[in-house]
Amino acid sequence: MSSSQRVPQLTIDHGLRADRLRDGTIEIVGRLVEASNMTLYCDLGDGDHCVYKPIRGERPLDDFPGGTLAFREVAAFEVSEAAGWRIVPPTVLRDGPLGLGMVQWWVDVDPEANILEMILTRDQRLRPMALFDAVVNNADRKGGHLLPTDDGHLYGCDHGVCFAIDPKLRSVLWGWRGEKLTAQERACLRDVRALLRGPLRQRLSELLSPEEVDATDHRVADLLQSDR
């Protein structure tokens, strides 16, 4: 797929779900109490659900500007879609019952999936996510952030501490560290880099600082140069 085709064309499934997140009525059902920031489980109607993280519920962090985590979550979705990885569930920024926040499609996890085994056996579904984490500079990839579904797809969640300017990559997905990129991965990164000079840069500039967008471009360039 050419770079000019990647950003405008979400998969039909993701595009429809993103529209539903933007336009649907959000009704708070409960709170996910294990989350460090306010994370609300919400009903969208018609059997659909979402996660809503209002900015007002974000806890301050020493190494990320306050009130920016929701924007970073949406930026992670934009990069995931631009690359064709489909790692991040559809995610939008919108007003909700508690003000502006991140709203993300709820993913039902396969109860039979063994995440620890996936990591230890280097399940190949994890490799694109490891590359994605390197691109977005994910400072907090835990096993609990992996969302395998019963159809075999693998999503990831909780990308609020991504896109820092300084290197902060921290992840349980070190199984491919030092391995050369595949031809497909190189082509994907080249397309992402091209988009970072056009529509993707424009979109990320609405969500991140100019320095953070530049740093993302530099990380992609460094990955291509090192080829690993």
C-alpha atoms as a PDB file:
ATOM      1  CA  MET A   1       0.000   0.000   0.000  1.00  0.00           C
ATOM      2  CA  SER A   2       1.385   3.399  -0.914  1.00  0.00           C
ATOM      3  CA  SER A   3       1.904   6.085   1.693  1.00  0.00           C
ATOM      4  CA  SER A   4      -0.778   8.254   0.112  1.00  0.00           C
ATOM      5  CA  GLN A   5      -3.350   5.544   0.761  1.00  0.00           C
ATOM      6  CA  ARG A   6      -2.591   4.800   4.405  1.00  0.00           C
ATOM      7  CA  VAL A   7      -3.923   7.687   6.491  1.00  0.00           C
ATOM      8  CA  PRO A   8      -7.292   8.397   4.848  1.00  0.00           C
ATOM      9  CA  GLN A   9      -8.336   4.752   4.707  1.00  0.00           C
ATOM     10  CA  LEU A  10      -9.091   3.262   8.089  1.00  0.00           C
ATOM     11  CA  THR A  11     -10.436  -0.227   7.829  1.00  0.00           C
ATOM     12  CA  ILE A  12     -14.217  -0.123   7.523  1.00  0.00           C
ATOM     13  CA  ASP A  13     -14.550  -1.675  10.952  1.00  0.00           C
ATOM     14  CA  HIS A  14     -12.301   0.853  12.651  1.00  0.00           C
ATOM     15  CA  GLY A  15     -13.734   3.786  10.726  1.00  0.00           C
ATOM     16  CA  LEU A  16     -17.301   2.963  11.680  1.00  0.00           C
ATOM     17  CA  ARG A  17     -16.323   2.419  15.286  1.00  0.00           C
ATOM     18  CA  ALA A  18     -14.434   5.714  15.432  1.00  0.00           C
ATOM     19  CA  ASP A  19     -17.542   7.491  14.117  1.00  0.00           C
ATOM     20  CA  ARG A  20     -19.641   5.732  16.720  1.00  0.00           C
ATOM     21  CA  LEU A  21     -17.267   6.863  19.454  1.00  0.00           C
ATOM     22  CA  ARG A  22     -17.400  10.456  18.239  1.00  0.00           C
ATOM     23  CA  ASP A  23     -21.157  10.675  17.806  1.00  0.00           C
ATOM     24  CA  GLY A  24     -22.648   8.175  20.249  1.00  0.00           C
ATOM     25  CA  THR A  25     -24.153   8.947  23.635  1.00  0.00           C
ATOM     26  CA  ILE A  26     -21.854   7.937  26.474  1.00  0.00           C
ATOM     27  CA  GLU A  27     -23.438   6.550  29.626  1.00  0.00           C
ATOM     28  CA  ILE A  28     -21.099   5.766  32.507  1.00  0.00           C
ATOM     29  CA  VAL A  29     -21.613   2.244  33.847  1.00  0.00           C
ATOM     30  CA  GLY A  30     -18.714   1.904  36.280  1.00  0.00           C
ATOM     31  CA  ARG A  31     -15.082   2.599  37.033  1.00  0.00           C
ATOM     32  CA  LEU A  32     -12.055   0.376  36.429  1.00  0.00           C
ATOM     33  CA  VAL A  33     -10.570   0.745  39.887  1.00  0.00           C
ATOM     34  CA  GLU A  34      -7.208  -0.883  39.106  1.00  0.00           C
ATOM     35  CA  ALA A  35      -6.282   1.903  36.658  1.00  0.00           C
ATOM     36  CA  SER A  36      -3.946   4.648  37.887  1.00  0.00           C
ATOM     37  CA  ASN A  37      -5.978   7.387  36.189  1.00  0.00           C
ATOM     38  CA  MET A  38      -9.747   7.748  36.166  1.00  0.00           C
ATOM     39  CA  THR A  39     -10.912   5.090  33.701  1.00  0.00           C
ATOM     40  CA  LEU A  40     -14.636   4.650  33.168  1.00  0.00           C
ATOM     41  CA  TYR A  41     -16.476   1.775  31.522  1.00  0.00           C
ATOM     42  CA  CYS A  42     -19.308   3.208  29.460  1.00  0.00           C
ATOM     43  CA  ASP A  43     -22.299   2.122  27.406  1.00  0.00           C
ATOM     44  CA  LEU A  44     -22.675   3.378  23.829  1.00  0.00           C
ATOM     45  CA  GLY A  45     -25.983   1.603  23.249  1.00  0.00           C
ATOM     46  CA  ASP A  46     -26.810  -1.297  20.935  1.00  0.00           C
ATOM     47  CA  GLY A  47     -24.538  -3.572  22.950  1.00  0.00           C
ATOM     48  CA  ASP A  48     -21.407  -1.487  22.327  1.00  0.00           C
ATOM     49  CA  HIS A  49     -19.107  -0.242  25.081  1.00  0.00           C
ATOM     50  CA  CYS A  50     -16.125   2.039  25.452  1.00  0.00           C
ATOM     51  CA  VAL A  51     -13.493   3.257  27.868  1.00  0.00           C
ATOM     52  CA  TYR A  52     -13.650   6.945  28.785  1.00  0.00           C
ATOM     53  CA  LYS A  53     -10.701   8.691  30.430  1.00  0.00           C
ATOM     54  CA  PRO A  54     -11.584  12.311  31.224  1.00  0.00           C
ATOM     55  CA  ILE A  55      -8.656  14.708  31.343  1.00  0.00           C
ATOM     56  CA  ARG A  56      -9.828  15.957  34.720  1.00  0.00           C
ATOM     57  CA  GLY A  57      -9.144  12.460  36.098  1.00  0.00           C
ATOM     58  CA  GLU A  58      -5.497  12.324  35.018  1.00  0.00           C
ATOM     59  CA  ARG A  59      -2.938  12.152  37.803  1.00  0.00           C
ATOM     60  CA  PRO A  60       0.016  14.530  37.439  1.00  0.00           C
ATOM     61  CA  LEU A  61       3.306  12.977  36.317  1.00  0.00           C
ATOM     62  CA  ASP A  62       6.828  14.310  36.736  1.00  0.00           C
ATOM     63  CA  ASP A  63       7.940  13.540  33.178  1.00  0.00           C
ATOM     64  CA  PHE A  64       4.834  14.342  31.105  1.00  0.00           C
ATOM     65  CA  PRO A  65       2.982  17.666  30.915  1.00  0.00           C
ATOM     66  CA  GLY A  66      -0.295  17.723  32.791  1.00  0.00           C
ATOM     67  CA  GLY A  67      -3.516  17.231  30.887  1.00  0.00           C
ATOM     68  CA  THR A  68      -1.879  15.591  27.856  1.00  0.00           C
ATOM     69  CA  LEU A  69      -2.373  11.852  28.375  1.00  0.00           C
ATOM     70  CA  ALA A  70      -5.676  11.692  26.498  1.00  0.00           C
ATOM     71  CA  PHE A  71      -4.110  13.444  23.517  1.00  0.00           C
ATOM     72  CA  ARG A  72      -1.240  10.932  23.523  1.00  0.00           C
ATOM     73  CA  GLU A  73      -3.677   8.018  23.502  1.00  0.00           C
ATOM     74  CA  VAL A  74      -5.367   9.414  20.397  1.00  0.00           C
ATOM     75  CA  ALA A  75      -1.985  10.087  18.769  1.00  0.00           C
ATOM     76  CA  ALA A  76      -1.036   6.440  19.350  1.00  0.00           C
ATOM     77  CA  PHE A  77      -4.186   5.363  17.503  1.00  0.00           C
ATOM     78  CA  GLU A  78      -3.351   7.684  14.602  1.00  0.00           C
ATOM     79  CA  VAL A  79       0.141   6.201  14.238  1.00  0.00           C
ATOM     80  CA  SER A  80      -1.175   2.649  14.540  1.00  0.00           C
ATOM     81  CA  GLU A  81      -3.708   3.246  11.770  1.00  0.00           C
ATOM     82  CA  ALA A  82      -1.253   5.092   9.538  1.00  0.00           C
ATOM     83  CA  ALA A  83       1.144   2.152   9.706  1.00  0.00           C
ATOM     84  CA  GLY A  84      -1.626  -0.375   9.120  1.00  0.00           C
ATOM     85  CA  TRP A  85      -0.825  -2.147  12.389  1.00  0.00           C
ATOM     86  CA  ARG A  86      -4.337  -1.887  13.890  1.00  0.00           C
ATOM     87  CA  ILE A  87      -2.785  -2.262  17.327  1.00  0.00           C
ATOM     88  CA  VAL A  88      -4.707   0.484  19.113  1.00  0.00           C
ATOM     89  CA  PRO A  89      -8.498   0.120  19.292  1.00  0.00           C
ATOM     90  CA  PRO A  90     -10.436   3.011  17.714  1.00  0.00           C
ATOM     91  CA  THR A  91      -9.778   6.041  19.902  1.00  0.00           C
ATOM     92  CA  VAL A  92     -11.100   9.602  19.724  1.00  0.00           C
ATOM     93  CA  LEU A  93     -10.948  12.827  21.705  1.00  0.00           C
ATOM     94  CA  ARG A  94     -14.355  14.186  22.635  1.00  0.00           C
ATOM     95  CA  ASP A  95     -16.510  15.706  25.330  1.00  0.00           C
ATOM     96  CA  GLY A  96     -18.144  13.270  27.706  1.00  0.00           C
ATOM     97  CA  PRO A  97     -20.114  13.348  30.946  1.00  0.00           C
ATOM     98  CA  LEU A  98     -17.017  14.598  32.832  1.00  0.00           C
ATOM     99  CA  GLY A  99     -15.623  16.857  30.131  1.00  0.00           C
ATOM    100  CA  LEU A 100     -13.045  16.412  27.397  1.00  0.00           C
ATOM    101  CA  GLY A 101     -11.298  13.083  27.371  1.00  0.00           C
ATOM    102  CA  MET A 102     -10.133  10.017  25.492  1.00  0.00           C
ATOM    103  CA  VAL A 103     -12.819   7.567  24.394  1.00  0.00           C
ATOM    104  CA  GLN A 104     -11.707   4.136  23.172  1.00  0.00           C
ATOM    105  CA  TRP A 105     -13.629   1.163  21.852  1.00  0.00           C
ATOM    106  CA  TRP A 106     -13.962  -1.583  24.446  1.00  0.00           C
ATOM    107  CA  VAL A 107     -12.192  -4.815  23.488  1.00  0.00           C
ATOM    108  CA  ASP A 108     -13.398  -8.125  24.892  1.00  0.00           C
ATOM    109  CA  VAL A 109     -10.308 -10.198  25.676  1.00  0.00           C
ATOM    110  CA  ASP A 110     -10.149 -13.911  24.915  1.00  0.00           C
ATOM    111  CA  PRO A 111     -10.434 -15.556  28.361  1.00  0.00           C
ATOM    112  CA  GLU A 112      -8.411 -18.532  27.118  1.00  0.00           C
ATOM    113  CA  ALA A 113      -5.406 -16.426  26.061  1.00  0.00           C
ATOM    114  CA  ASN A 114      -2.226 -16.843  28.108  1.00  0.00           C
ATOM    115  CA  ILE A 115      -0.422 -13.521  27.870  1.00  0.00           C
ATOM    116  CA  LEU A 116       2.650 -14.658  29.794  1.00  0.00           C
ATOM    117  CA  GLU A 117       3.052 -17.609  27.447  1.00  0.00           C
ATOM    118  CA  MET A 118       2.678 -15.282  24.460  1.00  0.00           C
ATOM    119  CA  ILE A 119       5.556 -13.161  25.738  1.00  0.00           C
ATOM    120  CA  LEU A 120       7.827 -16.055  26.708  1.00  0.00           C
ATOM    121  CA  THR A 121       7.319 -17.915  23.414  1.00  0.00           C
ATOM    122  CA  ARG A 122       7.741 -14.756  21.318  1.00  0.00           C
ATOM    123  CA  ASP A 123       4.298 -14.989  19.770  1.00  0.00           C
ATOM    124  CA  GLN A 124       4.659 -13.360  16.352  1.00  0.00           C
ATOM    125  CA  ARG A 125       1.627 -11.158  16.978  1.00  0.00           C
ATOM    126  CA  LEU A 126       3.769  -9.268  19.480  1.00  0.00           C
ATOM    127  CA  ARG A 127       6.488  -8.262  17.012  1.00  0.00           C
ATOM    128  CA  PRO A 128       4.501  -5.461  15.298  1.00  0.00           C
ATOM    129  CA  MET A 129       3.579  -4.154  18.734  1.00  0.00           C
ATOM    130  CA  ALA A 130       7.247  -4.091  19.774  1.00  0.00           C
ATOM    131  CA  LEU A 131       8.029  -2.022  16.674  1.00  0.00           C
ATOM    132  CA  PHE A 132       5.054   0.237  17.332  1.00  0.00           C
ATOM    133  CA  ASP A 133       6.274   0.812  20.895  1.00  0.00           C
ATOM    134  CA  ALA A 134       9.689   1.834  19.581  1.00  0.00           C
ATOM    135  CA  VAL A 135       8.099   4.328  17.186  1.00  0.00           C
ATOM    136  CA  VAL A 136       5.852   5.961  19.783  1.00  0.00           C
ATOM    137  CA  ASN A 137       8.432   5.684  22.601  1.00  0.00           C
ATOM    138  CA  ASN A 138       6.091   3.775  24.893  1.00  0.00           C
ATOM    139  CA  ALA A 139       7.207   4.260  28.487  1.00  0.00           C
ATOM    140  CA  ASP A 140       4.880   1.651  29.969  1.00  0.00           C
ATOM    141  CA  ARG A 141       4.177  -1.540  28.009  1.00  0.00           C
ATOM    142  CA  LYS A 142       2.969  -4.058  30.564  1.00  0.00           C
ATOM    143  CA  GLY A 143       1.582  -7.518  29.954  1.00  0.00           C
ATOM    144  CA  GLY A 144      -1.756  -6.268  31.215  1.00  0.00           C
ATOM    145  CA  HIS A 145      -1.863  -3.814  28.328  1.00  0.00           C
ATOM    146  CA  LEU A 146      -2.120  -6.658  25.800  1.00  0.00           C
ATOM    147  CA  LEU A 147      -5.626  -7.449  24.582  1.00  0.00           C
ATOM    148  CA  PRO A 148      -5.790 -10.704  22.568  1.00  0.00           C
ATOM    149  CA  THR A 149      -9.222 -11.355  21.092  1.00  0.00           C
ATOM    150  CA  ASP A 150     -10.904 -14.663  20.349  1.00  0.00           C
ATOM    151  CA  ASP A 151     -10.495 -14.121  16.589  1.00  0.00           C
ATOM    152  CA  GLY A 152      -6.699 -14.107  16.953  1.00  0.00           C
ATOM    153  CA  HIS A 153      -6.122 -10.364  16.737  1.00  0.00           C
ATOM    154  CA  LEU A 154      -3.967  -8.566  19.294  1.00  0.00           C
ATOM    155  CA  TYR A 155      -4.721  -5.057  20.497  1.00  0.00           C
ATOM    156  CA  GLY A 156      -2.821  -2.909  22.970  1.00  0.00           C
ATOM    157  CA  CYS A 157      -4.128  -0.268  25.344  1.00  0.00           C
ATOM    158  CA  ASP A 158      -2.944   2.425  27.773  1.00  0.00           C
ATOM    159  CA  HIS A 159      -0.747   4.614  25.578  1.00  0.00           C
ATOM    160  CA  GLY A 160      -0.940   7.792  27.633  1.00  0.00           C
ATOM    161  CA  VAL A 161       2.784   7.871  28.388  1.00  0.00           C
ATOM    162  CA  CYS A 162       4.057   7.739  24.821  1.00  0.00           C
ATOM    163  CA  PHE A 163       5.741  10.302  22.567  1.00  0.00           C
ATOM    164  CA  ALA A 164       8.190  11.778  25.063  1.00  0.00           C
ATOM    165  CA  ILE A 165      11.080  13.636  23.444  1.00  0.00           C
ATOM    166  CA  ASP A 166      13.730  11.804  25.464  1.00  0.00           C
ATOM    167  CA  PRO A 167      14.158   8.004  25.178  1.00  0.00           C
ATOM    168  CA  LYS A 168      11.799   6.334  27.648  1.00  0.00           C
ATOM    169  CA  LEU A 169      11.016   2.981  26.044  1.00  0.00           C
ATOM    170  CA  ARG A 170      10.034   0.517  28.749  1.00  0.00           C
ATOM    171  CA  SER A 171       8.407  -2.710  27.689  1.00  0.00           C
ATOM    172  CA  VAL A 172       7.991  -6.398  28.400  1.00  0.00           C
ATOM    173  CA  LEU A 173       8.399  -7.011  24.652  1.00  0.00           C
ATOM    174  CA  TRP A 174      12.181  -7.364  24.398  1.00  0.00           C
ATOM    175  CA  GLY A 175      12.127 -10.678  22.527  1.00  0.00           C
ATOM    176  CA  TRP A 176      13.138  -9.110  19.212  1.00  0.00           C
ATOM    177  CA  ARG A 177      15.666  -6.619  20.497  1.00  0.00           C
ATOM    178  CA  GLY A 178      18.629  -6.389  18.130  1.00  0.00           C
ATOM    179  CA  GLU A 179      17.000  -8.377  15.325  1.00  0.00           C
ATOM    180  CA  LYS A 180      17.022  -6.935  11.817  1.00  0.00           C
ATOM    181  CA  LEU A 181      13.854  -5.432  10.448  1.00  0.00           C
ATOM    182  CA  THR A 182      11.987  -7.422   7.840  1.00  0.00           C
ATOM    183  CA  ALA A 183      11.409  -6.014   4.357  1.00  0.00           C
ATOM    184  CA  GLN A 184       7.757  -5.461   5.237  1.00  0.00           C
ATOM    185  CA  GLU A 185       8.687  -3.580   8.410  1.00  0.00           C
ATOM    186  CA  ARG A 186      11.110  -1.356   6.532  1.00  0.00           C
ATOM    187  CA  ALA A 187       8.473  -0.560   3.921  1.00  0.00           C
ATOM    188  CA  CYS A 188       5.981   0.240   6.657  1.00  0.00           C
ATOM    189  CA  LEU A 189       8.397   2.585   8.415  1.00  0.00           C
ATOM    190  CA  ARG A 190       9.236   4.325   5.146  1.00  0.00           C
ATOM    191  CA  ASP A 191       5.547   4.945   4.543  1.00  0.00           C
ATOM    192  CA  VAL A 192       5.083   6.267   8.076  1.00  0.00           C
ATOM    193  CA  ARG A 193       8.043   8.592   7.615  1.00  0.00           C
ATOM    194  CA  ALA A 194       6.549   9.889   4.376  1.00  0.00           C
ATOM    195  CA  LEU A 195       3.243  10.503   6.134  1.00  0.00           C
ATOM    196  CA  LEU A 196       5.065  12.396   8.876  1.00  0.00           C
ATOM    197  CA  ARG A 197       5.779  14.979   6.202  1.00  0.00           C
ATOM    198  CA  GLY A 198       2.103  15.272   5.320  1.00  0.00           C
ATOM    199  CA  PRO A 199      -1.273  14.208   6.725  1.00  0.00           C
ATOM    200  CA  LEU A 200       0.014  12.302   9.737  1.00  0.00           C
ATOM    201  CA  ARG A 201       2.178  15.232  10.836  1.00  0.00           C
ATOM    202  CA  GLN A 202      -0.813  17.515  10.535  1.00  0.00           C
ATOM    203  CA  ARG A 203      -2.941  15.226  12.669  1.00  0.00           C
ATOM    204  CA  LEU A 204      -0.258  14.623  15.296  1.00  0.00           C
ATOM    205  CA  SER A 205       0.396  18.365  15.487  1.00  0.00           C
ATOM    206  CA  GLU A 206      -3.151  18.740  16.808  1.00  0.00           C
ATOM    207  CA  LEU A 207      -2.359  16.315  19.626  1.00  0.00           C
ATOM    208  CA  LEU A 208       1.358  16.678  20.472  1.00  0.00           C
ATOM    209  CA  SER A 209       3.942  19.428  20.713  1.00  0.00           C
ATOM    210  CA  PRO A 210       6.033  20.214  17.602  1.00  0.00           C
ATOM    211  CA  GLU A 211       9.080  18.809  19.383  1.00  0.00           C
ATOM    212  CA  GLU A 212       7.279  15.530  20.105  1.00  0.00           C
ATOM    213  CA  VAL A 213       6.208  15.182  16.480  1.00  0.00           C
ATOM    214  CA  ASP A 214       9.788  15.835  15.343  1.00  0.00           C
ATOM    215  CA  ALA A 215      11.079  13.274  17.845  1.00  0.00           C
ATOM    216  CA  THR A 216       8.681  10.685  16.421  1.00  0.00           C
ATOM    217  CA  ASP A 217      10.032  11.350  12.933  1.00  0.00           C
ATOM    218  CA  HIS A 218      13.592  10.995  14.240  1.00  0.00           C
ATOM    219  CA  ARG A 219      12.802   7.666  15.922  1.00  0.00           C
ATOM    220  CA  VAL A 220      11.447   6.274  12.669  1.00  0.00           C
ATOM    221  CA  ALA A 221      14.533   7.513  10.834  1.00  0.00           C
ATOM    222  CA  ASP A 222      16.818   5.947  13.450  1.00  0.00           C
ATOM    223  CA  LEU A 223      15.029   2.601  13.164  1.00  0.00           C
ATOM    224  CA  LEU A 224      15.448   2.648   9.399  1.00  0.00           C
ATOM    225  CA  GLN A 225      19.099   3.642   9.633  1.00  0.00           C
ATOM    226  CA  SER A 226      19.979   0.968  12.195  1.00  0.00           C
ATOM    227  CA  ASP A 227      17.715  -1.579  10.462  1.00  0.00           C
ATOM    228  CA  ARG A 228      16.835  -3.060  13.853  1.00  0.00           C
END
